[in-house]
Amino acid sequence: MGLIGELLMLPLAPARGSLWVLRQVVDEAERQYYDPSAIRRELSRLEELLEAGEIDEAEFERCEDQLLDRLQQSTGQDF
């Protein structure tokens, strides 16, 4: 983009900057959400809750299915 184009886009700079920051935050949140080691930690914690009697079998299976789906999406493996 030339000098005139940059000058015309200058009033939009704050919005463009905000969009860039928002994209960075979303990217980092997705990276953490699909991090296999974080998902495995959540699975371990889920098992601890079941063993401690804090959740029932149905809740465990529902949460486990969600976590395994996330793990599958992050690694591309079938479980």
PDB file of N, CA and C in Angstrom:
ATOM      1  N   MET A   1       0.859  -1.162   0.000  1.00  0.00           N
ATOM      2  CA  MET A   1       0.000   0.000   0.000  1.00  0.00           C
ATOM      3  C   MET A   1       0.907   1.227   0.000  1.00  0.00           C
ATOM      4  N   GLY A   2       0.577   2.190  -0.780  1.00  0.00           N
ATOM      5  CA  GLY A   2       1.393   3.385  -0.892  1.00  0.00           C
ATOM      6  C   GLY A   2       1.155   4.360   0.238  1.00  0.00           C
ATOM      7  N   LEU A   3       1.858   5.464   0.163  1.00  0.00           N
ATOM      8  CA  LEU A   3       1.774   6.489   1.200  1.00  0.00           C
ATOM      9  C   LEU A   3       0.364   7.041   1.352  1.00  0.00           C
ATOM     10  N   ILE A   4      -0.306   7.294   0.245  1.00  0.00           N
ATOM     11  CA  ILE A   4      -1.669   7.829   0.301  1.00  0.00           C
ATOM     12  C   ILE A   4      -2.617   6.797   0.912  1.00  0.00           C
ATOM     13  N   GLY A   5      -2.457   5.540   0.541  1.00  0.00           N
ATOM     14  CA  GLY A   5      -3.286   4.490   1.131  1.00  0.00           C
ATOM     15  C   GLY A   5      -3.086   4.388   2.629  1.00  0.00           C
ATOM     16  N   GLU A   6      -1.832   4.492   3.072  1.00  0.00           N
ATOM     17  CA  GLU A   6      -1.543   4.449   4.506  1.00  0.00           C
ATOM     18  C   GLU A   6      -2.174   5.642   5.224  1.00  0.00           C
ATOM     19  N   LEU A   7      -2.092   6.804   4.610  1.00  0.00           N
ATOM     20  CA  LEU A   7      -2.699   7.990   5.226  1.00  0.00           C
ATOM     21  C   LEU A   7      -4.215   7.859   5.325  1.00  0.00           C
ATOM     22  N   LEU A   8      -4.829   7.303   4.294  1.00  0.00           N
ATOM     23  CA  LEU A   8      -6.277   7.118   4.327  1.00  0.00           C
ATOM     24  C   LEU A   8      -6.694   6.085   5.373  1.00  0.00           C
ATOM     25  N   MET A   9      -5.851   5.098   5.629  1.00  0.00           N
ATOM     26  CA  MET A   9      -6.164   4.039   6.593  1.00  0.00           C
ATOM     27  C   MET A   9      -5.790   4.432   8.024  1.00  0.00           C
ATOM     28  N   LEU A  10      -5.088   5.543   8.213  1.00  0.00           N
ATOM     29  CA  LEU A  10      -4.626   5.955   9.533  1.00  0.00           C
ATOM     30  C   LEU A  10      -5.745   6.055  10.571  1.00  0.00           C
ATOM     31  N   PRO A  11      -6.925   6.588  10.226  1.00  0.00           N
ATOM     32  CA  PRO A  11      -7.986   6.631  11.247  1.00  0.00           C
ATOM     33  C   PRO A  11      -8.432   5.244  11.718  1.00  0.00           C
ATOM     34  N   LEU A  12      -8.174   4.215  10.932  1.00  0.00           N
ATOM     35  CA  LEU A  12      -8.568   2.860  11.315  1.00  0.00           C
ATOM     36  C   LEU A  12      -7.495   2.132  12.119  1.00  0.00           C
ATOM     37  N   ALA A  13      -6.354   2.752  12.331  1.00  0.00           N
ATOM     38  CA  ALA A  13      -5.241   2.105  13.028  1.00  0.00           C
ATOM     39  C   ALA A  13      -5.625   1.561  14.411  1.00  0.00           C
ATOM     40  N   PRO A  14      -6.343   2.316  15.243  1.00  0.00           N
ATOM     41  CA  PRO A  14      -6.719   1.748  16.553  1.00  0.00           C
ATOM     42  C   PRO A  14      -7.572   0.487  16.426  1.00  0.00           C
ATOM     43  N   ALA A  15      -8.493   0.480  15.478  1.00  0.00           N
ATOM     44  CA  ALA A  15      -9.338  -0.707  15.296  1.00  0.00           C
ATOM     45  C   ALA A  15      -8.510  -1.875  14.784  1.00  0.00           C
ATOM     46  N   ARG A  16      -7.593  -1.606  13.852  1.00  0.00           N
ATOM     47  CA  ARG A  16      -6.737  -2.672  13.329  1.00  0.00           C
ATOM     48  C   ARG A  16      -5.847  -3.233  14.427  1.00  0.00           C
ATOM     49  N   GLY A  17      -5.342  -2.347  15.281  1.00  0.00           N
ATOM     50  CA  GLY A  17      -4.520  -2.798  16.402  1.00  0.00           C
ATOM     51  C   GLY A  17      -5.315  -3.643  17.381  1.00  0.00           C
ATOM     52  N   SER A  18      -6.540  -3.228  17.642  1.00  0.00           N
ATOM     53  CA  SER A  18      -7.404  -3.996  18.553  1.00  0.00           C
ATOM     54  C   SER A  18      -7.719  -5.367  17.977  1.00  0.00           C
ATOM     55  N   LEU A  19      -7.968  -5.424  16.681  1.00  0.00           N
ATOM     56  CA  LEU A  19      -8.235  -6.711  16.042  1.00  0.00           C
ATOM     57  C   LEU A  19      -7.017  -7.625  16.108  1.00  0.00           C
ATOM     58  N   TRP A  20      -5.831  -7.063  15.937  1.00  0.00           N
ATOM     59  CA  TRP A  20      -4.610  -7.861  16.014  1.00  0.00           C
ATOM     60  C   TRP A  20      -4.459  -8.452  17.416  1.00  0.00           C
ATOM     61  N   VAL A  21      -4.676  -7.614  18.437  1.00  0.00           N
ATOM     62  CA  VAL A  21      -4.572  -8.091  19.825  1.00  0.00           C
ATOM     63  C   VAL A  21      -5.603  -9.176  20.084  1.00  0.00           C
ATOM     64  N   LEU A  22      -6.817  -8.972  19.615  1.00  0.00           N
ATOM     65  CA  LEU A  22      -7.868  -9.964  19.803  1.00  0.00           C
ATOM     66  C   LEU A  22      -7.502 -11.285  19.134  1.00  0.00           C
ATOM     67  N   ARG A  23      -6.945 -11.225  17.922  1.00  0.00           N
ATOM     68  CA  ARG A  23      -6.524 -12.454  17.233  1.00  0.00           C
ATOM     69  C   ARG A  23      -5.438 -13.175  18.021  1.00  0.00           C
ATOM     70  N   GLN A  24      -4.500 -12.415  18.601  1.00  0.00           N
ATOM     71  CA  GLN A  24      -3.426 -13.027  19.375  1.00  0.00           C
ATOM     72  C   GLN A  24      -3.985 -13.727  20.623  1.00  0.00           C
ATOM     73  N   VAL A  25      -4.938 -13.083  21.284  1.00  0.00           N
ATOM     74  CA  VAL A  25      -5.547 -13.677  22.482  1.00  0.00           C
ATOM     75  C   VAL A  25      -6.298 -14.954  22.124  1.00  0.00           C
ATOM     76  N   VAL A  26      -7.070 -14.926  21.046  1.00  0.00           N
ATOM     77  CA  VAL A  26      -7.819 -16.112  20.610  1.00  0.00           C
ATOM     78  C   VAL A  26      -6.865 -17.233  20.234  1.00  0.00           C
ATOM     79  N   ASP A  27      -5.803 -16.915  19.508  1.00  0.00           N
ATOM     80  CA  ASP A  27      -4.817 -17.937  19.124  1.00  0.00           C
ATOM     81  C   ASP A  27      -4.189 -18.600  20.343  1.00  0.00           C
ATOM     82  N   GLU A  28      -3.835 -17.803  21.348  1.00  0.00           N
ATOM     83  CA  GLU A  28      -3.228 -18.356  22.556  1.00  0.00           C
ATOM     84  C   GLU A  28      -4.233 -19.195  23.347  1.00  0.00           C
ATOM     85  N   ALA A  29      -5.457 -18.735  23.428  1.00  0.00           N
ATOM     86  CA  ALA A  29      -6.497 -19.508  24.130  1.00  0.00           C
ATOM     87  C   ALA A  29      -6.715 -20.853  23.447  1.00  0.00           C
ATOM     88  N   GLU A  30      -6.750 -20.861  22.122  1.00  0.00           N
ATOM     89  CA  GLU A  30      -6.918 -22.126  21.399  1.00  0.00           C
ATOM     90  C   GLU A  30      -5.708 -23.027  21.587  1.00  0.00           C
ATOM     91  N   ARG A  31      -4.516 -22.454  21.595  1.00  0.00           N
ATOM     92  CA  ARG A  31      -3.314 -23.262  21.803  1.00  0.00           C
ATOM     93  C   ARG A  31      -3.367 -23.948  23.170  1.00  0.00           C
ATOM     94  N   GLN A  32      -3.754 -23.214  24.196  1.00  0.00           N
ATOM     95  CA  GLN A  32      -3.844 -23.795  25.532  1.00  0.00           C
ATOM     96  C   GLN A  32      -4.984 -24.813  25.623  1.00  0.00           C
ATOM     97  N   TYR A  33      -6.104 -24.513  24.979  1.00  0.00           N
ATOM     98  CA  TYR A  33      -7.274 -25.392  25.031  1.00  0.00           C
ATOM     99  C   TYR A  33      -6.971 -26.742  24.395  1.00  0.00           C
ATOM    100  N   TYR A  34      -6.200 -26.743  23.313  1.00  0.00           N
ATOM    101  CA  TYR A  34      -5.899 -27.979  22.592  1.00  0.00           C
ATOM    102  C   TYR A  34      -4.523 -28.550  22.926  1.00  0.00           C
ATOM    103  N   ASP A  35      -3.868 -28.038  23.962  1.00  0.00           N
ATOM    104  CA  ASP A  35      -2.559 -28.547  24.361  1.00  0.00           C
ATOM    105  C   ASP A  35      -2.719 -29.959  24.940  1.00  0.00           C
ATOM    106  N   PRO A  36      -2.109 -30.970  24.294  1.00  0.00           N
ATOM    107  CA  PRO A  36      -2.286 -32.351  24.766  1.00  0.00           C
ATOM    108  C   PRO A  36      -1.882 -32.566  26.222  1.00  0.00           C
ATOM    109  N   SER A  37      -0.816 -31.926  26.681  1.00  0.00           N
ATOM    110  CA  SER A  37      -0.404 -32.127  28.077  1.00  0.00           C
ATOM    111  C   SER A  37      -1.431 -31.538  29.044  1.00  0.00           C
ATOM    112  N   ALA A  38      -2.037 -30.412  28.691  1.00  0.00           N
ATOM    113  CA  ALA A  38      -3.073 -29.832  29.543  1.00  0.00           C
ATOM    114  C   ALA A  38      -4.314 -30.723  29.576  1.00  0.00           C
ATOM    115  N   ILE A  39      -4.657 -31.299  28.446  1.00  0.00           N
ATOM    116  CA  ILE A  39      -5.816 -32.191  28.391  1.00  0.00           C
ATOM    117  C   ILE A  39      -5.557 -33.433  29.230  1.00  0.00           C
ATOM    118  N   ARG A  40      -4.353 -33.974  29.158  1.00  0.00           N
ATOM    119  CA  ARG A  40      -4.019 -35.166  29.965  1.00  0.00           C
ATOM    120  C   ARG A  40      -4.077 -34.842  31.461  1.00  0.00           C
ATOM    121  N   ARG A  41      -3.633 -33.635  31.827  1.00  0.00           N
ATOM    122  CA  ARG A  41      -3.740 -33.232  33.240  1.00  0.00           C
ATOM    123  C   ARG A  41      -5.202 -33.155  33.667  1.00  0.00           C
ATOM    124  N   GLU A  42      -6.053 -32.631  32.781  1.00  0.00           N
ATOM    125  CA  GLU A  42      -7.484 -32.556  33.096  1.00  0.00           C
ATOM    126  C   GLU A  42      -8.082 -33.953  33.233  1.00  0.00           C
ATOM    127  N   LEU A  43      -7.639 -34.891  32.386  1.00  0.00           N
ATOM    128  CA  LEU A  43      -8.122 -36.271  32.501  1.00  0.00           C
ATOM    129  C   LEU A  43      -7.706 -36.884  33.834  1.00  0.00           C
ATOM    130  N   SER A  44      -6.478 -36.642  34.245  1.00  0.00           N
ATOM    131  CA  SER A  44      -6.006 -37.155  35.537  1.00  0.00           C
ATOM    132  C   SER A  44      -6.815 -36.563  36.687  1.00  0.00           C
ATOM    133  N   ARG A  45      -7.053 -35.270  36.618  1.00  0.00           N
ATOM    134  CA  ARG A  45      -7.844 -34.607  37.659  1.00  0.00           C
ATOM    135  C   ARG A  45      -9.271 -35.158  37.692  1.00  0.00           C
ATOM    136  N   LEU A  46      -9.807 -35.443  36.530  1.00  0.00           N
ATOM    137  CA  LEU A  46     -11.152 -36.001  36.433  1.00  0.00           C
ATOM    138  C   LEU A  46     -11.213 -37.370  37.109  1.00  0.00           C
ATOM    139  N   GLU A  47     -10.187 -38.197  36.895  1.00  0.00           N
ATOM    140  CA  GLU A  47     -10.136 -39.508  37.545  1.00  0.00           C
ATOM    141  C   GLU A  47     -10.038 -39.364  39.060  1.00  0.00           C
ATOM    142  N   GLU A  48      -9.257 -38.378  39.509  1.00  0.00           N
ATOM    143  CA  GLU A  48      -9.147 -38.134  40.950  1.00  0.00           C
ATOM    144  C   GLU A  48     -10.500 -37.748  41.539  1.00  0.00           C
ATOM    145  N   LEU A  49     -11.252 -36.918  40.824  1.00  0.00           N
ATOM    146  CA  LEU A  49     -12.580 -36.522  41.305  1.00  0.00           C
ATOM    147  C   LEU A  49     -13.513 -37.718  41.388  1.00  0.00           C
ATOM    148  N   LEU A  50     -13.441 -38.606  40.408  1.00  0.00           N
ATOM    149  CA  LEU A  50     -14.282 -39.808  40.427  1.00  0.00           C
ATOM    150  C   LEU A  50     -13.910 -40.703  41.604  1.00  0.00           C
ATOM    151  N   GLU A  51     -12.612 -40.930  41.791  1.00  0.00           N
ATOM    152  CA  GLU A  51     -12.156 -41.791  42.888  1.00  0.00           C
ATOM    153  C   GLU A  51     -12.495 -41.203  44.255  1.00  0.00           C
ATOM    154  N   ALA A  52     -12.512 -39.881  44.342  1.00  0.00           N
ATOM    155  CA  ALA A  52     -12.832 -39.225  45.606  1.00  0.00           C
ATOM    156  C   ALA A  52     -14.337 -39.149  45.841  1.00  0.00           C
ATOM    157  N   GLY A  53     -15.124 -39.549  44.852  1.00  0.00           N
ATOM    158  CA  GLY A  53     -16.569 -39.520  44.993  1.00  0.00           C
ATOM    159  C   GLY A  53     -17.175 -38.142  44.794  1.00  0.00           C
ATOM    160  N   GLU A  54     -16.416 -37.215  44.243  1.00  0.00           N
ATOM    161  CA  GLU A  54     -16.919 -35.859  44.040  1.00  0.00           C
ATOM    162  C   GLU A  54     -17.787 -35.745  42.791  1.00  0.00           C
ATOM    163  N   ILE A  55     -17.627 -36.678  41.868  1.00  0.00           N
ATOM    164  CA  ILE A  55     -18.493 -36.746  40.685  1.00  0.00           C
ATOM    165  C   ILE A  55     -18.938 -38.183  40.507  1.00  0.00           C
ATOM    166  N   ASP A  56     -20.064 -38.370  39.846  1.00  0.00           N
ATOM    167  CA  ASP A  56     -20.535 -39.738  39.604  1.00  0.00           C
ATOM    168  C   ASP A  56     -20.018 -40.241  38.254  1.00  0.00           C
ATOM    169  N   GLU A  57     -20.304 -41.497  37.970  1.00  0.00           N
ATOM    170  CA  GLU A  57     -19.816 -42.153  36.751  1.00  0.00           C
ATOM    171  C   GLU A  57     -20.333 -41.460  35.490  1.00  0.00           C
ATOM    172  N   ALA A  58     -21.590 -41.037  35.504  1.00  0.00           N
ATOM    173  CA  ALA A  58     -22.167 -40.385  34.325  1.00  0.00           C
ATOM    174  C   ALA A  58     -21.455 -39.066  34.028  1.00  0.00           C
ATOM    175  N   GLU A  59     -21.207 -38.276  35.062  1.00  0.00           N
ATOM    176  CA  GLU A  59     -20.492 -37.011  34.887  1.00  0.00           C
ATOM    177  C   GLU A  59     -19.068 -37.265  34.398  1.00  0.00           C
ATOM    178  N   PHE A  60     -18.430 -38.289  34.979  1.00  0.00           N
ATOM    179  CA  PHE A  60     -17.077 -38.642  34.564  1.00  0.00           C
ATOM    180  C   PHE A  60     -17.042 -38.990  33.082  1.00  0.00           C
ATOM    181  N   GLU A  61     -17.962 -39.838  32.643  1.00  0.00           N
ATOM    182  CA  GLU A  61     -17.975 -40.269  31.238  1.00  0.00           C
ATOM    183  C   GLU A  61     -18.254 -39.103  30.297  1.00  0.00           C
ATOM    184  N   ARG A  62     -19.152 -38.206  30.685  1.00  0.00           N
ATOM    185  CA  ARG A  62     -19.463 -37.049  29.849  1.00  0.00           C
ATOM    186  C   ARG A  62     -18.233 -36.152  29.689  1.00  0.00           C
ATOM    187  N   CYS A  63     -17.590 -35.851  30.805  1.00  0.00           N
ATOM    188  CA  CYS A  63     -16.399 -34.999  30.762  1.00  0.00           C
ATOM    189  C   CYS A  63     -15.232 -35.693  30.059  1.00  0.00           C
ATOM    190  N   GLU A  64     -15.089 -36.976  30.301  1.00  0.00           N
ATOM    191  CA  GLU A  64     -14.015 -37.730  29.660  1.00  0.00           C
ATOM    192  C   GLU A  64     -14.185 -37.727  28.141  1.00  0.00           C
ATOM    193  N   ASP A  65     -15.414 -37.919  27.676  1.00  0.00           N
ATOM    194  CA  ASP A  65     -15.675 -37.886  26.233  1.00  0.00           C
ATOM    195  C   ASP A  65     -15.293 -36.538  25.633  1.00  0.00           C
ATOM    196  N   GLN A  66     -15.632 -35.460  26.311  1.00  0.00           N
ATOM    197  CA  GLN A  66     -15.281 -34.126  25.822  1.00  0.00           C
ATOM    198  C   GLN A  66     -13.766 -33.941  25.758  1.00  0.00           C
ATOM    199  N   LEU A  67     -13.084 -34.384  26.808  1.00  0.00           N
ATOM    200  CA  LEU A  67     -11.628 -34.237  26.834  1.00  0.00           C
ATOM    201  C   LEU A  67     -10.964 -35.103  25.769  1.00  0.00           C
ATOM    202  N   LEU A  68     -11.461 -36.307  25.586  1.00  0.00           N
ATOM    203  CA  LEU A  68     -10.884 -37.179  24.553  1.00  0.00           C
ATOM    204  C   LEU A  68     -11.142 -36.624  23.158  1.00  0.00           C
ATOM    205  N   ASP A  69     -12.290 -36.000  22.950  1.00  0.00           N
ATOM    206  CA  ASP A  69     -12.554 -35.348  21.659  1.00  0.00           C
ATOM    207  C   ASP A  69     -11.548 -34.222  21.419  1.00  0.00           C
ATOM    208  N   ARG A  70     -11.297 -33.416  22.443  1.00  0.00           N
ATOM    209  CA  ARG A  70     -10.304 -32.341  22.320  1.00  0.00           C
ATOM    210  C   ARG A  70      -8.924 -32.898  22.040  1.00  0.00           C
ATOM    211  N   LEU A  71      -8.571 -33.977  22.731  1.00  0.00           N
ATOM    212  CA  LEU A  71      -7.265 -34.596  22.535  1.00  0.00           C
ATOM    213  C   LEU A  71      -7.138 -35.143  21.120  1.00  0.00           C
ATOM    214  N   GLN A  72      -8.194 -35.758  20.637  1.00  0.00           N
ATOM    215  CA  GLN A  72      -8.202 -36.284  19.276  1.00  0.00           C
ATOM    216  C   GLN A  72      -8.029 -35.153  18.259  1.00  0.00           C
ATOM    217  N   GLN A  73      -8.713 -34.050  18.474  1.00  0.00           N
ATOM    218  CA  GLN A  73      -8.592 -32.903  17.558  1.00  0.00           C
ATOM    219  C   GLN A  73      -7.181 -32.328  17.596  1.00  0.00           C
ATOM    220  N   SER A  74      -6.556 -32.331  18.756  1.00  0.00           N
ATOM    221  CA  SER A  74      -5.231 -31.726  18.873  1.00  0.00           C
ATOM    222  C   SER A  74      -4.133 -32.613  18.299  1.00  0.00           C
ATOM    223  N   THR A  75      -4.326 -33.927  18.352  1.00  0.00           N
ATOM    224  CA  THR A  75      -3.278 -34.840  17.896  1.00  0.00           C
ATOM    225  C   THR A  75      -3.620 -35.527  16.584  1.00  0.00           C
ATOM    226  N   GLY A  76      -4.894 -35.545  16.225  1.00  0.00           N
ATOM    227  CA  GLY A  76      -5.302 -36.232  15.011  1.00  0.00           C
ATOM    228  C   GLY A  76      -5.372 -37.739  15.174  1.00  0.00           C
ATOM    229  N   GLN A  77      -5.368 -38.228  16.410  1.00  0.00           N
ATOM    230  CA  GLN A  77      -5.428 -39.675  16.669  1.00  0.00           C
ATOM    231  C   GLN A  77      -6.832 -40.076  17.078  1.00  0.00           C
ATOM    232  N   ASP A  78      -7.166 -41.333  16.823  1.00  0.00           N
ATOM    233  CA  ASP A  78      -8.442 -41.879  17.279  1.00  0.00           C
ATOM    234  C   ASP A  78      -8.227 -42.580  18.603  1.00  0.00           C
ATOM    235  N   PHE A  79      -9.188 -42.417  19.512  1.00  0.00           N
ATOM    236  CA  PHE A  79      -9.112 -43.068  20.823  1.00  0.00           C
ATOM    237  C   PHE A  79     -10.268 -43.985  21.004  1.00  0.00           C
TER     238      PHE A  79
END
